[in-house]
Amino acid sequence: MGIRCRLDDWLKRNPGWWAEATHPQATRIDELLRPVANDPHVAGKLIDDTSFLAPLIYGAHDTSIIAKLWISATDPRTTTTHIAGQRIIRLVRAVFEEHDWNDGIAPTWNDLIDQRRIEKEVKDLLGQVIAPWQMQFSGLAHQWNWDVQEGLVRLRDVAHSRSAALALANGLADSLLLNLRVLPLNRQLRLQHIDDVAFSIGSSTEIFQRAKIDQAEFQASNIATLLSLPSQSPLRVPWPLSLAVSQATRSLARVFDDSDEVTKTSAIDKIKSREALAAIAYSAVWVSALSQGRINEQTLEPPAEVQLELQHTFDSIINQADKGELSAMIND
């Protein structure tokens, strides 16, 4: 009997599955999911074959198993953009829409305190699941075939959890690199994609700032590591030398500090943080052009068209992000 059949059979015989998850011992769902949670194929198939997702979100006493299940099933290294979108959209809707399945009196003893603990930890883990795909909630929403307005609302819902917001913030540069790794061969589509990524950066940074992530919590070292990526690129990679990278790194961290002193200079810091992300994007587009054969591997000198594209990338992250920020504010 497959895992889904065993899960369905147990749920039929245990209508109080959601209350049993609040008991101090592992549930049958813990036992069923633990061996397969780290297997992307099995985890993904289980989610896709399950029409009623709530048990795969709230049915385990140990929510770390739930986190592993969903992270495995949506890992960019093993999952396509389209499939990850189908799974994540179902997940966020299941979390933030009405929970009719637990209305009324629980058929078994229910620990309300532990139930709240599970609900909080589920919202916390959403940040880890969504972080690589956060741009598909705004500027790249068309890749998931859903409305950008709903995407922004859901992203803001997720960011209400400080742990989730922190995971999203720390994953923004990774998401940027993921979405610039392979660019369209058509020039117009390529430039539009870069603009869409820039829009996403504006949306995310605005939402993060409103989530008031404290500087002490923000892992600036993560951004510092990402800012070192150009040095790992091919020799003589063009790099905007005018950037004060260390200053940009500090500014990116300060964007998430809500102290009175930092608030006074938040506008300047936001610009500097975008410069840091623009520098990362610049390098990513250069590497993409090299891999597509649009830059000569021998000379490593980008032709005029690629130079214009690189400048467009940098300018777009700085300027186009304003539209994403405005959209996030309008949908607040």
C-alpha atoms as a PDB file:
ATOM      1  CA  MET A   1       0.000   0.000   0.000  1.00  0.00           C
ATOM      2  CA  GLY A   2       1.422   3.401  -1.029  1.00  0.00           C
ATOM      3  CA  ILE A   3       1.962   6.250   1.390  1.00  0.00           C
ATOM      4  CA  ARG A   4      -1.061   8.201   0.159  1.00  0.00           C
ATOM      5  CA  CYS A   5      -3.353   5.192   0.585  1.00  0.00           C
ATOM      6  CA  ARG A   6      -2.015   4.603   4.092  1.00  0.00           C
ATOM      7  CA  LEU A   7      -2.513   8.279   4.893  1.00  0.00           C
ATOM      8  CA  ASP A   8      -6.080   8.279   3.539  1.00  0.00           C
ATOM      9  CA  ASP A   9      -6.900   5.115   5.453  1.00  0.00           C
ATOM     10  CA  TRP A  10      -5.617   6.577   8.715  1.00  0.00           C
ATOM     11  CA  LEU A  11      -7.501   9.866   8.195  1.00  0.00           C
ATOM     12  CA  LYS A  12     -10.781   8.008   7.632  1.00  0.00           C
ATOM     13  CA  ARG A  13     -10.367   6.172  10.913  1.00  0.00           C
ATOM     14  CA  ASN A  14      -9.157   9.249  12.801  1.00  0.00           C
ATOM     15  CA  PRO A  15     -11.405  12.264  12.178  1.00  0.00           C
ATOM     16  CA  GLY A  16      -9.604  14.069  14.985  1.00  0.00           C
ATOM     17  CA  TRP A  17      -6.235  13.985  13.229  1.00  0.00           C
ATOM     18  CA  TRP A  18      -5.712  17.727  13.699  1.00  0.00           C
ATOM     19  CA  ALA A  19      -6.328  17.472  17.447  1.00  0.00           C
ATOM     20  CA  GLU A  20      -4.075  14.429  17.786  1.00  0.00           C
ATOM     21  CA  ALA A  21      -1.206  16.496  16.375  1.00  0.00           C
ATOM     22  CA  THR A  22      -1.350  18.567  19.571  1.00  0.00           C
ATOM     23  CA  HIS A  23      -0.680  15.529  21.763  1.00  0.00           C
ATOM     24  CA  PRO A  24       2.896  15.212  23.100  1.00  0.00           C
ATOM     25  CA  GLN A  25       3.710  12.074  21.106  1.00  0.00           C
ATOM     26  CA  ALA A  26       4.285  11.589  17.382  1.00  0.00           C
ATOM     27  CA  THR A  27       1.185  10.985  15.264  1.00  0.00           C
ATOM     28  CA  ARG A  28       0.719   8.511  12.451  1.00  0.00           C
ATOM     29  CA  ILE A  29       1.346  11.390  10.044  1.00  0.00           C
ATOM     30  CA  ASP A  30       4.736  12.030  11.683  1.00  0.00           C
ATOM     31  CA  GLU A  31       5.583   8.360  11.175  1.00  0.00           C
ATOM     32  CA  LEU A  32       4.418   8.299   7.544  1.00  0.00           C
ATOM     33  CA  LEU A  33       6.132  11.518   6.477  1.00  0.00           C
ATOM     34  CA  ARG A  34       9.451  11.249   8.327  1.00  0.00           C
ATOM     35  CA  PRO A  35      11.016   8.612   5.978  1.00  0.00           C
ATOM     36  CA  VAL A  36       9.994  10.421   2.776  1.00  0.00           C
ATOM     37  CA  ALA A  37      10.139  14.117   3.700  1.00  0.00           C
ATOM     38  CA  ASN A  38      13.633  14.584   2.251  1.00  0.00           C
ATOM     39  CA  ASP A  39      12.872  12.771  -1.011  1.00  0.00           C
ATOM     40  CA  PRO A  40      11.879  15.425  -3.603  1.00  0.00           C
ATOM     41  CA  HIS A  41      10.144  12.945  -5.899  1.00  0.00           C
ATOM     42  CA  VAL A  42       8.093  11.153  -3.232  1.00  0.00           C
ATOM     43  CA  ALA A  43       7.292  14.369  -1.357  1.00  0.00           C
ATOM     44  CA  GLY A  44       6.179  16.104  -4.530  1.00  0.00           C
ATOM     45  CA  LYS A  45       4.055  13.199  -5.735  1.00  0.00           C
ATOM     46  CA  LEU A  46       2.363  12.910  -2.341  1.00  0.00           C
ATOM     47  CA  ILE A  47       1.445  16.603  -2.398  1.00  0.00           C
ATOM     48  CA  ASP A  48       0.239  16.472  -6.005  1.00  0.00           C
ATOM     49  CA  ASP A  49      -1.892  13.379  -5.385  1.00  0.00           C
ATOM     50  CA  THR A  50      -3.484  14.799  -2.229  1.00  0.00           C
ATOM     51  CA  SER A  51      -6.570  16.948  -2.767  1.00  0.00           C
ATOM     52  CA  PHE A  52      -6.978  17.797   0.942  1.00  0.00           C
ATOM     53  CA  LEU A  53      -3.678  19.383   1.972  1.00  0.00           C
ATOM     54  CA  ALA A  54      -4.413  20.270   5.605  1.00  0.00           C
ATOM     55  CA  PRO A  55      -3.027  16.987   7.058  1.00  0.00           C
ATOM     56  CA  LEU A  56       0.236  17.593   5.163  1.00  0.00           C
ATOM     57  CA  ILE A  57       0.463  21.007   6.811  1.00  0.00           C
ATOM     58  CA  TYR A  58      -1.042  20.632  10.291  1.00  0.00           C
ATOM     59  CA  GLY A  59      -1.126  16.876  10.875  1.00  0.00           C
ATOM     60  CA  ALA A  60       2.347  16.307  12.325  1.00  0.00           C
ATOM     61  CA  HIS A  61       3.307  17.060  15.911  1.00  0.00           C
ATOM     62  CA  ASP A  62       6.870  17.752  14.716  1.00  0.00           C
ATOM     63  CA  THR A  63       6.525  20.617  12.234  1.00  0.00           C
ATOM     64  CA  SER A  64      10.155  20.258  11.130  1.00  0.00           C
ATOM     65  CA  ILE A  65       8.952  17.202   9.191  1.00  0.00           C
ATOM     66  CA  ILE A  66       6.379  19.383   7.441  1.00  0.00           C
ATOM     67  CA  ALA A  67       9.088  21.926   6.617  1.00  0.00           C
ATOM     68  CA  LYS A  68      11.329  19.236   5.107  1.00  0.00           C
ATOM     69  CA  LEU A  69       8.429  17.837   3.062  1.00  0.00           C
ATOM     70  CA  TRP A  70       7.554  21.162   1.447  1.00  0.00           C
ATOM     71  CA  ILE A  71      11.125  22.360   1.001  1.00  0.00           C
ATOM     72  CA  SER A  72      11.998  19.077  -0.738  1.00  0.00           C
ATOM     73  CA  ALA A  73       8.934  19.257  -2.970  1.00  0.00           C
ATOM     74  CA  THR A  74       9.711  22.823  -4.089  1.00  0.00           C
ATOM     75  CA  ASP A  75      13.516  22.802  -4.214  1.00  0.00           C
ATOM     76  CA  PRO A  76      14.638  24.746  -7.344  1.00  0.00           C
ATOM     77  CA  ARG A  77      17.391  22.177  -7.905  1.00  0.00           C
ATOM     78  CA  THR A  78      14.893  19.356  -8.412  1.00  0.00           C
ATOM     79  CA  THR A  79      11.619  21.098  -9.272  1.00  0.00           C
ATOM     80  CA  THR A  80      10.543  23.128 -12.299  1.00  0.00           C
ATOM     81  CA  THR A  81       9.221  26.654 -11.878  1.00  0.00           C
ATOM     82  CA  HIS A  82       5.760  25.584 -13.034  1.00  0.00           C
ATOM     83  CA  ILE A  83       5.434  22.627 -10.661  1.00  0.00           C
ATOM     84  CA  ALA A  84       6.861  24.554  -7.705  1.00  0.00           C
ATOM     85  CA  GLY A  85       4.264  27.230  -8.391  1.00  0.00           C
ATOM     86  CA  GLN A  86       1.377  24.778  -8.389  1.00  0.00           C
ATOM     87  CA  ARG A  87       2.475  23.383  -5.033  1.00  0.00           C
ATOM     88  CA  ILE A  88       3.295  26.667  -3.309  1.00  0.00           C
ATOM     89  CA  ILE A  89       0.101  28.416  -4.409  1.00  0.00           C
ATOM     90  CA  ARG A  90      -1.917  25.553  -2.943  1.00  0.00           C
ATOM     91  CA  LEU A  91       0.155  25.730   0.245  1.00  0.00           C
ATOM     92  CA  VAL A  92      -0.268  29.457   0.924  1.00  0.00           C
ATOM     93  CA  ARG A  93      -3.968  29.348   0.110  1.00  0.00           C
ATOM     94  CA  ALA A  94      -4.440  26.404   2.455  1.00  0.00           C
ATOM     95  CA  VAL A  95      -2.642  28.258   5.258  1.00  0.00           C
ATOM     96  CA  PHE A  96      -4.304  31.656   4.926  1.00  0.00           C
ATOM     97  CA  GLU A  97      -7.830  30.726   3.878  1.00  0.00           C
ATOM     98  CA  GLU A  98     -10.581  29.516   6.216  1.00  0.00           C
ATOM     99  CA  HIS A  99      -9.903  26.281   8.113  1.00  0.00           C
ATOM    100  CA  ASP A 100     -13.382  24.761   7.935  1.00  0.00           C
ATOM    101  CA  TRP A 101     -11.952  21.333   8.709  1.00  0.00           C
ATOM    102  CA  ASN A 102     -11.317  22.156  12.376  1.00  0.00           C
ATOM    103  CA  ASP A 103     -14.581  23.925  13.161  1.00  0.00           C
ATOM    104  CA  GLY A 104     -16.579  22.770  16.146  1.00  0.00           C
ATOM    105  CA  ILE A 105     -15.594  20.517  19.008  1.00  0.00           C
ATOM    106  CA  ALA A 106     -12.582  18.277  18.451  1.00  0.00           C
ATOM    107  CA  PRO A 107     -13.484  14.568  18.406  1.00  0.00           C
ATOM    108  CA  THR A 108     -10.458  13.905  20.617  1.00  0.00           C
ATOM    109  CA  TRP A 109      -8.722  15.847  23.371  1.00  0.00           C
ATOM    110  CA  ASN A 110      -7.124  18.989  21.920  1.00  0.00           C
ATOM    111  CA  ASP A 111      -4.306  21.028  23.458  1.00  0.00           C
ATOM    112  CA  LEU A 112      -5.149  24.577  22.365  1.00  0.00           C
ATOM    113  CA  ILE A 113      -1.739  25.914  23.352  1.00  0.00           C
ATOM    114  CA  ASP A 114       0.039  23.322  21.230  1.00  0.00           C
ATOM    115  CA  GLN A 115      -2.410  23.934  18.399  1.00  0.00           C
ATOM    116  CA  ARG A 116      -1.365  27.595  18.386  1.00  0.00           C
ATOM    117  CA  ARG A 117       2.263  26.440  18.480  1.00  0.00           C
ATOM    118  CA  ILE A 118       1.746  24.321  15.369  1.00  0.00           C
ATOM    119  CA  GLU A 119      -0.063  27.134  13.545  1.00  0.00           C
ATOM    120  CA  LYS A 120       2.747  29.582  14.350  1.00  0.00           C
ATOM    121  CA  GLU A 121       5.502  27.184  13.312  1.00  0.00           C
ATOM    122  CA  VAL A 122       3.715  26.463  10.031  1.00  0.00           C
ATOM    123  CA  LYS A 123       3.623  30.191   9.238  1.00  0.00           C
ATOM    124  CA  ASP A 124       7.278  30.467  10.231  1.00  0.00           C
ATOM    125  CA  LEU A 125       8.356  27.683   7.866  1.00  0.00           C
ATOM    126  CA  LEU A 126       6.621  29.306   4.886  1.00  0.00           C
ATOM    127  CA  GLY A 127       9.522  31.730   4.581  1.00  0.00           C
ATOM    128  CA  GLN A 128      11.983  28.889   3.988  1.00  0.00           C
ATOM    129  CA  VAL A 129       9.727  27.305   1.372  1.00  0.00           C
ATOM    130  CA  ILE A 130       8.972  30.523  -0.485  1.00  0.00           C
ATOM    131  CA  ALA A 131      12.363  32.273  -0.274  1.00  0.00           C
ATOM    132  CA  PRO A 132      13.795  30.991  -3.602  1.00  0.00           C
ATOM    133  CA  TRP A 133      10.474  31.698  -5.339  1.00  0.00           C
ATOM    134  CA  GLN A 134       9.522  35.054  -3.819  1.00  0.00           C
ATOM    135  CA  MET A 135       9.850  36.864  -7.152  1.00  0.00           C
ATOM    136  CA  GLN A 136       7.047  34.695  -8.533  1.00  0.00           C
ATOM    137  CA  PHE A 137       4.797  36.465  -6.015  1.00  0.00           C
ATOM    138  CA  SER A 138       5.279  39.818  -7.762  1.00  0.00           C
ATOM    139  CA  GLY A 139       7.185  40.695 -10.929  1.00  0.00           C
ATOM    140  CA  LEU A 140       7.419  37.094 -12.156  1.00  0.00           C
ATOM    141  CA  ALA A 141       3.875  36.110 -11.118  1.00  0.00           C
ATOM    142  CA  HIS A 142       3.048  35.351 -14.763  1.00  0.00           C
ATOM    143  CA  GLN A 143       5.389  32.341 -14.578  1.00  0.00           C
ATOM    144  CA  TRP A 144       2.944  30.801 -12.110  1.00  0.00           C
ATOM    145  CA  ASN A 145      -0.107  31.993 -14.023  1.00  0.00           C
ATOM    146  CA  TRP A 146      -1.598  33.820 -11.069  1.00  0.00           C
ATOM    147  CA  ASP A 147      -2.490  37.415 -10.311  1.00  0.00           C
ATOM    148  CA  VAL A 148       0.313  39.662  -9.061  1.00  0.00           C
ATOM    149  CA  GLN A 149      -2.101  41.343  -6.643  1.00  0.00           C
ATOM    150  CA  GLU A 150      -2.878  38.031  -4.946  1.00  0.00           C
ATOM    151  CA  GLY A 151       0.818  37.221  -4.939  1.00  0.00           C
ATOM    152  CA  LEU A 152       1.678  40.438  -3.123  1.00  0.00           C
ATOM    153  CA  VAL A 153      -1.103  39.894  -0.595  1.00  0.00           C
ATOM    154  CA  ARG A 154       0.145  36.369   0.110  1.00  0.00           C
ATOM    155  CA  LEU A 155       3.771  37.508   0.350  1.00  0.00           C
ATOM    156  CA  ARG A 156       2.742  40.129   2.884  1.00  0.00           C
ATOM    157  CA  ASP A 157       0.739  37.513   4.796  1.00  0.00           C
ATOM    158  CA  VAL A 158       3.846  35.342   4.997  1.00  0.00           C
ATOM    159  CA  ALA A 159       6.020  38.280   6.098  1.00  0.00           C
ATOM    160  CA  HIS A 160       3.772  38.876   9.126  1.00  0.00           C
ATOM    161  CA  SER A 161       5.807  36.097  10.734  1.00  0.00           C
ATOM    162  CA  ARG A 162       9.159  37.582  11.733  1.00  0.00           C
ATOM    163  CA  SER A 163      10.919  34.251  11.205  1.00  0.00           C
ATOM    164  CA  ALA A 164       9.404  33.905   7.738  1.00  0.00           C
ATOM    165  CA  ALA A 165      10.217  37.517   6.845  1.00  0.00           C
ATOM    166  CA  LEU A 166      13.821  36.983   7.906  1.00  0.00           C
ATOM    167  CA  ALA A 167      14.083  33.839   5.767  1.00  0.00           C
ATOM    168  CA  LEU A 168      12.668  35.746   2.793  1.00  0.00           C
ATOM    169  CA  ALA A 169      15.063  38.653   3.308  1.00  0.00           C
ATOM    170  CA  ASN A 170      18.071  36.368   3.580  1.00  0.00           C
ATOM    171  CA  GLY A 171      16.937  34.533   0.453  1.00  0.00           C
ATOM    172  CA  LEU A 172      16.379  37.589  -1.749  1.00  0.00           C
ATOM    173  CA  ALA A 173      19.847  37.642  -3.317  1.00  0.00           C
ATOM    174  CA  ASP A 174      19.684  33.877  -3.933  1.00  0.00           C
ATOM    175  CA  SER A 175      16.293  34.357  -5.598  1.00  0.00           C
ATOM    176  CA  LEU A 176      17.796  37.123  -7.724  1.00  0.00           C
ATOM    177  CA  LEU A 177      20.579  34.834  -8.926  1.00  0.00           C
ATOM    178  CA  LEU A 178      18.161  31.964  -9.542  1.00  0.00           C
ATOM    179  CA  ASN A 179      15.977  34.095 -11.791  1.00  0.00           C
ATOM    180  CA  LEU A 180      18.865  35.605 -13.757  1.00  0.00           C
ATOM    181  CA  ARG A 181      20.745  32.336 -14.194  1.00  0.00           C
ATOM    182  CA  VAL A 182      19.140  31.531 -17.554  1.00  0.00           C
ATOM    183  CA  LEU A 183      17.871  34.450 -19.630  1.00  0.00           C
ATOM    184  CA  PRO A 184      15.747  34.373 -22.819  1.00  0.00           C
ATOM    185  CA  LEU A 185      17.687  34.386 -26.076  1.00  0.00           C
ATOM    186  CA  ASN A 186      15.339  36.997 -27.534  1.00  0.00           C
ATOM    187  CA  ARG A 187      16.659  40.451 -26.624  1.00  0.00           C
ATOM    188  CA  GLN A 188      13.283  42.080 -25.936  1.00  0.00           C
ATOM    189  CA  LEU A 189      12.161  39.172 -23.771  1.00  0.00           C
ATOM    190  CA  ARG A 190      15.500  39.267 -21.975  1.00  0.00           C
ATOM    191  CA  LEU A 191      15.189  42.964 -21.115  1.00  0.00           C
ATOM    192  CA  GLN A 192      11.578  42.505 -20.013  1.00  0.00           C
ATOM    193  CA  HIS A 193      12.614  39.641 -17.739  1.00  0.00           C
ATOM    194  CA  ILE A 194      15.285  41.826 -16.142  1.00  0.00           C
ATOM    195  CA  ASP A 195      12.691  44.559 -15.564  1.00  0.00           C
ATOM    196  CA  ASP A 196      10.325  42.021 -13.992  1.00  0.00           C
ATOM    197  CA  VAL A 197      13.077  40.896 -11.624  1.00  0.00           C
ATOM    198  CA  ALA A 198      13.733  44.524 -10.695  1.00  0.00           C
ATOM    199  CA  PHE A 199      10.021  45.011  -9.981  1.00  0.00           C
ATOM    200  CA  SER A 200      10.175  41.994  -7.678  1.00  0.00           C
ATOM    201  CA  ILE A 201      13.116  43.423  -5.747  1.00  0.00           C
ATOM    202  CA  GLY A 202      11.193  46.625  -5.099  1.00  0.00           C
ATOM    203  CA  SER A 203       8.156  44.688  -3.896  1.00  0.00           C
ATOM    204  CA  SER A 204      10.143  42.415  -1.603  1.00  0.00           C
ATOM    205  CA  THR A 205      12.275  45.127  -0.013  1.00  0.00           C
ATOM    206  CA  GLU A 206       9.211  47.265   0.694  1.00  0.00           C
ATOM    207  CA  ILE A 207       7.417  44.342   2.340  1.00  0.00           C
ATOM    208  CA  PHE A 208      10.510  43.426   4.364  1.00  0.00           C
ATOM    209  CA  GLN A 209      10.947  46.966   5.607  1.00  0.00           C
ATOM    210  CA  ARG A 210       7.323  47.066   6.729  1.00  0.00           C
ATOM    211  CA  ALA A 211       7.878  43.773   8.524  1.00  0.00           C
ATOM    212  CA  LYS A 212      10.410  45.687  10.669  1.00  0.00           C
ATOM    213  CA  ILE A 213      13.145  43.084  10.736  1.00  0.00           C
ATOM    214  CA  ASP A 214      15.694  44.071  13.338  1.00  0.00           C
ATOM    215  CA  GLN A 215      19.280  44.602  12.198  1.00  0.00           C
ATOM    216  CA  ALA A 216      20.560  42.303  14.933  1.00  0.00           C
ATOM    217  CA  GLU A 217      18.446  39.491  13.480  1.00  0.00           C
ATOM    218  CA  PHE A 218      19.302  40.153   9.861  1.00  0.00           C
ATOM    219  CA  GLN A 219      22.184  38.030   8.672  1.00  0.00           C
ATOM    220  CA  ALA A 220      24.216  40.662   6.845  1.00  0.00           C
ATOM    221  CA  SER A 221      26.995  38.112   6.464  1.00  0.00           C
ATOM    222  CA  ASN A 222      24.748  36.244   4.021  1.00  0.00           C
ATOM    223  CA  ILE A 223      24.621  39.283   1.754  1.00  0.00           C
ATOM    224  CA  ALA A 224      28.354  39.851   2.203  1.00  0.00           C
ATOM    225  CA  THR A 225      28.954  36.326   0.926  1.00  0.00           C
ATOM    226  CA  LEU A 226      26.731  36.913  -2.083  1.00  0.00           C
ATOM    227  CA  LEU A 227      28.489  40.181  -2.841  1.00  0.00           C
ATOM    228  CA  SER A 228      31.726  38.216  -3.163  1.00  0.00           C
ATOM    229  CA  LEU A 229      30.269  36.144  -6.010  1.00  0.00           C
ATOM    230  CA  PRO A 230      31.715  38.359  -8.776  1.00  0.00           C
ATOM    231  CA  SER A 231      35.202  37.358  -7.633  1.00  0.00           C
ATOM    232  CA  GLN A 232      34.203  33.747  -8.285  1.00  0.00           C
ATOM    233  CA  SER A 233      33.075  34.553 -11.845  1.00  0.00           C
ATOM    234  CA  PRO A 234      35.371  34.190 -14.900  1.00  0.00           C
ATOM    235  CA  LEU A 235      38.533  36.296 -14.903  1.00  0.00           C
ATOM    236  CA  ARG A 236      38.121  39.958 -15.925  1.00  0.00           C
ATOM    237  CA  VAL A 237      34.393  39.982 -15.306  1.00  0.00           C
ATOM    238  CA  PRO A 238      33.246  43.618 -15.581  1.00  0.00           C
ATOM    239  CA  TRP A 239      32.337  45.005 -12.182  1.00  0.00           C
ATOM    240  CA  PRO A 240      30.860  48.410 -11.296  1.00  0.00           C
ATOM    241  CA  LEU A 241      33.950  49.756  -9.559  1.00  0.00           C
ATOM    242  CA  SER A 242      32.060  52.818  -8.360  1.00  0.00           C
ATOM    243  CA  LEU A 243      30.230  50.670  -5.829  1.00  0.00           C
ATOM    244  CA  ALA A 244      31.391  50.814  -2.252  1.00  0.00           C
ATOM    245  CA  VAL A 245      30.494  47.195  -1.651  1.00  0.00           C
ATOM    246  CA  SER A 246      31.113  47.097   2.072  1.00  0.00           C
ATOM    247  CA  GLN A 247      29.012  50.203   2.560  1.00  0.00           C
ATOM    248  CA  ALA A 248      26.239  48.734   0.432  1.00  0.00           C
ATOM    249  CA  THR A 249      26.280  45.594   2.551  1.00  0.00           C
ATOM    250  CA  ARG A 250      25.871  47.553   5.747  1.00  0.00           C
ATOM    251  CA  SER A 251      23.091  49.597   4.173  1.00  0.00           C
ATOM    252  CA  LEU A 252      21.196  46.492   3.125  1.00  0.00           C
ATOM    253  CA  ALA A 253      21.172  45.336   6.723  1.00  0.00           C
ATOM    254  CA  ARG A 254      20.107  48.746   7.961  1.00  0.00           C
ATOM    255  CA  VAL A 255      17.031  48.706   5.733  1.00  0.00           C
ATOM    256  CA  PHE A 256      15.572  46.163   8.143  1.00  0.00           C
ATOM    257  CA  ASP A 257      16.400  48.127  11.304  1.00  0.00           C
ATOM    258  CA  ASP A 258      13.377  49.986  12.687  1.00  0.00           C
ATOM    259  CA  SER A 259      15.192  52.150  15.261  1.00  0.00           C
ATOM    260  CA  ASP A 260      14.492  55.898  15.242  1.00  0.00           C
ATOM    261  CA  GLU A 261      18.020  56.788  14.133  1.00  0.00           C
ATOM    262  CA  VAL A 262      17.956  54.429  11.172  1.00  0.00           C
ATOM    263  CA  THR A 263      14.438  55.465  10.159  1.00  0.00           C
ATOM    264  CA  LYS A 264      15.737  58.967   9.444  1.00  0.00           C
ATOM    265  CA  THR A 265      18.087  57.659   6.752  1.00  0.00           C
ATOM    266  CA  SER A 266      16.031  54.696   5.509  1.00  0.00           C
ATOM    267  CA  ALA A 267      15.494  56.229   2.065  1.00  0.00           C
ATOM    268  CA  ILE A 268      19.253  56.540   1.503  1.00  0.00           C
ATOM    269  CA  ASP A 269      19.879  53.052   2.852  1.00  0.00           C
ATOM    270  CA  LYS A 270      17.238  51.555   0.569  1.00  0.00           C
ATOM    271  CA  ILE A 271      18.979  53.079  -2.452  1.00  0.00           C
ATOM    272  CA  LYS A 272      22.319  51.670  -1.322  1.00  0.00           C
ATOM    273  CA  SER A 273      20.822  48.240  -0.749  1.00  0.00           C
ATOM    274  CA  ARG A 274      19.509  48.273  -4.297  1.00  0.00           C
ATOM    275  CA  GLU A 275      22.991  49.143  -5.501  1.00  0.00           C
ATOM    276  CA  ALA A 276      24.266  45.997  -3.806  1.00  0.00           C
ATOM    277  CA  LEU A 277      21.570  43.861  -5.435  1.00  0.00           C
ATOM    278  CA  ALA A 278      22.109  45.641  -8.769  1.00  0.00           C
ATOM    279  CA  ALA A 279      25.785  44.714  -8.599  1.00  0.00           C
ATOM    280  CA  ILE A 280      24.878  41.065  -8.073  1.00  0.00           C
ATOM    281  CA  ALA A 281      22.418  41.227 -10.986  1.00  0.00           C
ATOM    282  CA  TYR A 282      25.059  42.873 -13.200  1.00  0.00           C
ATOM    283  CA  SER A 283      27.445  39.990 -12.608  1.00  0.00           C
ATOM    284  CA  ALA A 284      24.715  37.362 -13.105  1.00  0.00           C
ATOM    285  CA  VAL A 285      23.693  38.817 -16.475  1.00  0.00           C
ATOM    286  CA  TRP A 286      27.347  38.964 -17.545  1.00  0.00           C
ATOM    287  CA  VAL A 287      27.827  35.281 -16.729  1.00  0.00           C
ATOM    288  CA  SER A 288      24.578  34.420 -18.532  1.00  0.00           C
ATOM    289  CA  ALA A 289      25.747  36.287 -21.645  1.00  0.00           C
ATOM    290  CA  LEU A 290      29.046  34.402 -21.527  1.00  0.00           C
ATOM    291  CA  SER A 291      27.295  31.025 -21.226  1.00  0.00           C
ATOM    292  CA  GLN A 292      25.042  31.887 -24.180  1.00  0.00           C
ATOM    293  CA  GLY A 293      28.038  32.729 -26.356  1.00  0.00           C
ATOM    294  CA  ARG A 294      27.239  36.434 -26.544  1.00  0.00           C
ATOM    295  CA  ILE A 295      30.625  37.242 -24.993  1.00  0.00           C
ATOM    296  CA  ASN A 296      33.824  35.947 -26.567  1.00  0.00           C
ATOM    297  CA  GLU A 297      35.366  33.353 -24.242  1.00  0.00           C
ATOM    298  CA  GLN A 298      38.879  34.255 -25.353  1.00  0.00           C
ATOM    299  CA  THR A 299      38.792  38.024 -24.905  1.00  0.00           C
ATOM    300  CA  LEU A 300      35.956  38.156 -22.357  1.00  0.00           C
ATOM    301  CA  GLU A 301      35.127  41.559 -23.809  1.00  0.00           C
ATOM    302  CA  PRO A 302      31.357  42.147 -24.073  1.00  0.00           C
ATOM    303  CA  PRO A 303      30.208  43.640 -27.403  1.00  0.00           C
ATOM    304  CA  ALA A 304      28.352  46.952 -27.420  1.00  0.00           C
ATOM    305  CA  GLU A 305      24.925  45.300 -27.274  1.00  0.00           C
ATOM    306  CA  VAL A 306      25.860  43.306 -24.172  1.00  0.00           C
ATOM    307  CA  GLN A 307      27.403  46.382 -22.560  1.00  0.00           C
ATOM    308  CA  LEU A 308      24.103  48.219 -23.022  1.00  0.00           C
ATOM    309  CA  GLU A 309      22.266  45.243 -21.560  1.00  0.00           C
ATOM    310  CA  LEU A 310      24.537  45.206 -18.516  1.00  0.00           C
ATOM    311  CA  GLN A 311      23.974  48.909 -17.958  1.00  0.00           C
ATOM    312  CA  HIS A 312      20.237  48.385 -18.391  1.00  0.00           C
ATOM    313  CA  THR A 313      20.365  45.670 -15.731  1.00  0.00           C
ATOM    314  CA  PHE A 314      22.070  47.923 -13.219  1.00  0.00           C
ATOM    315  CA  ASP A 315      19.800  50.889 -13.945  1.00  0.00           C
ATOM    316  CA  SER A 316      16.670  48.747 -13.913  1.00  0.00           C
ATOM    317  CA  ILE A 317      17.376  47.299 -10.466  1.00  0.00           C
ATOM    318  CA  ILE A 318      17.933  50.834  -9.162  1.00  0.00           C
ATOM    319  CA  ASN A 319      14.961  52.489 -10.899  1.00  0.00           C
ATOM    320  CA  GLN A 320      12.429  49.867 -11.990  1.00  0.00           C
ATOM    321  CA  ALA A 321      12.308  48.604  -8.413  1.00  0.00           C
ATOM    322  CA  ASP A 322      10.426  51.805  -7.532  1.00  0.00           C
ATOM    323  CA  LYS A 323       7.397  50.443  -9.399  1.00  0.00           C
ATOM    324  CA  GLY A 324       7.500  47.224  -7.427  1.00  0.00           C
ATOM    325  CA  GLU A 325       7.805  49.181  -4.188  1.00  0.00           C
ATOM    326  CA  LEU A 326       4.821  51.349  -5.128  1.00  0.00           C
ATOM    327  CA  SER A 327       2.761  48.280  -6.032  1.00  0.00           C
ATOM    328  CA  ALA A 328       3.555  46.688  -2.670  1.00  0.00           C
ATOM    329  CA  MET A 329       2.498  49.889  -0.894  1.00  0.00           C
ATOM    330  CA  ILE A 330      -0.757  50.182  -2.869  1.00  0.00           C
ATOM    331  CA  ASN A 331      -1.663  46.595  -2.008  1.00  0.00           C
ATOM    332  CA  ASP A 332      -0.885  47.057   1.673  1.00  0.00           C
END
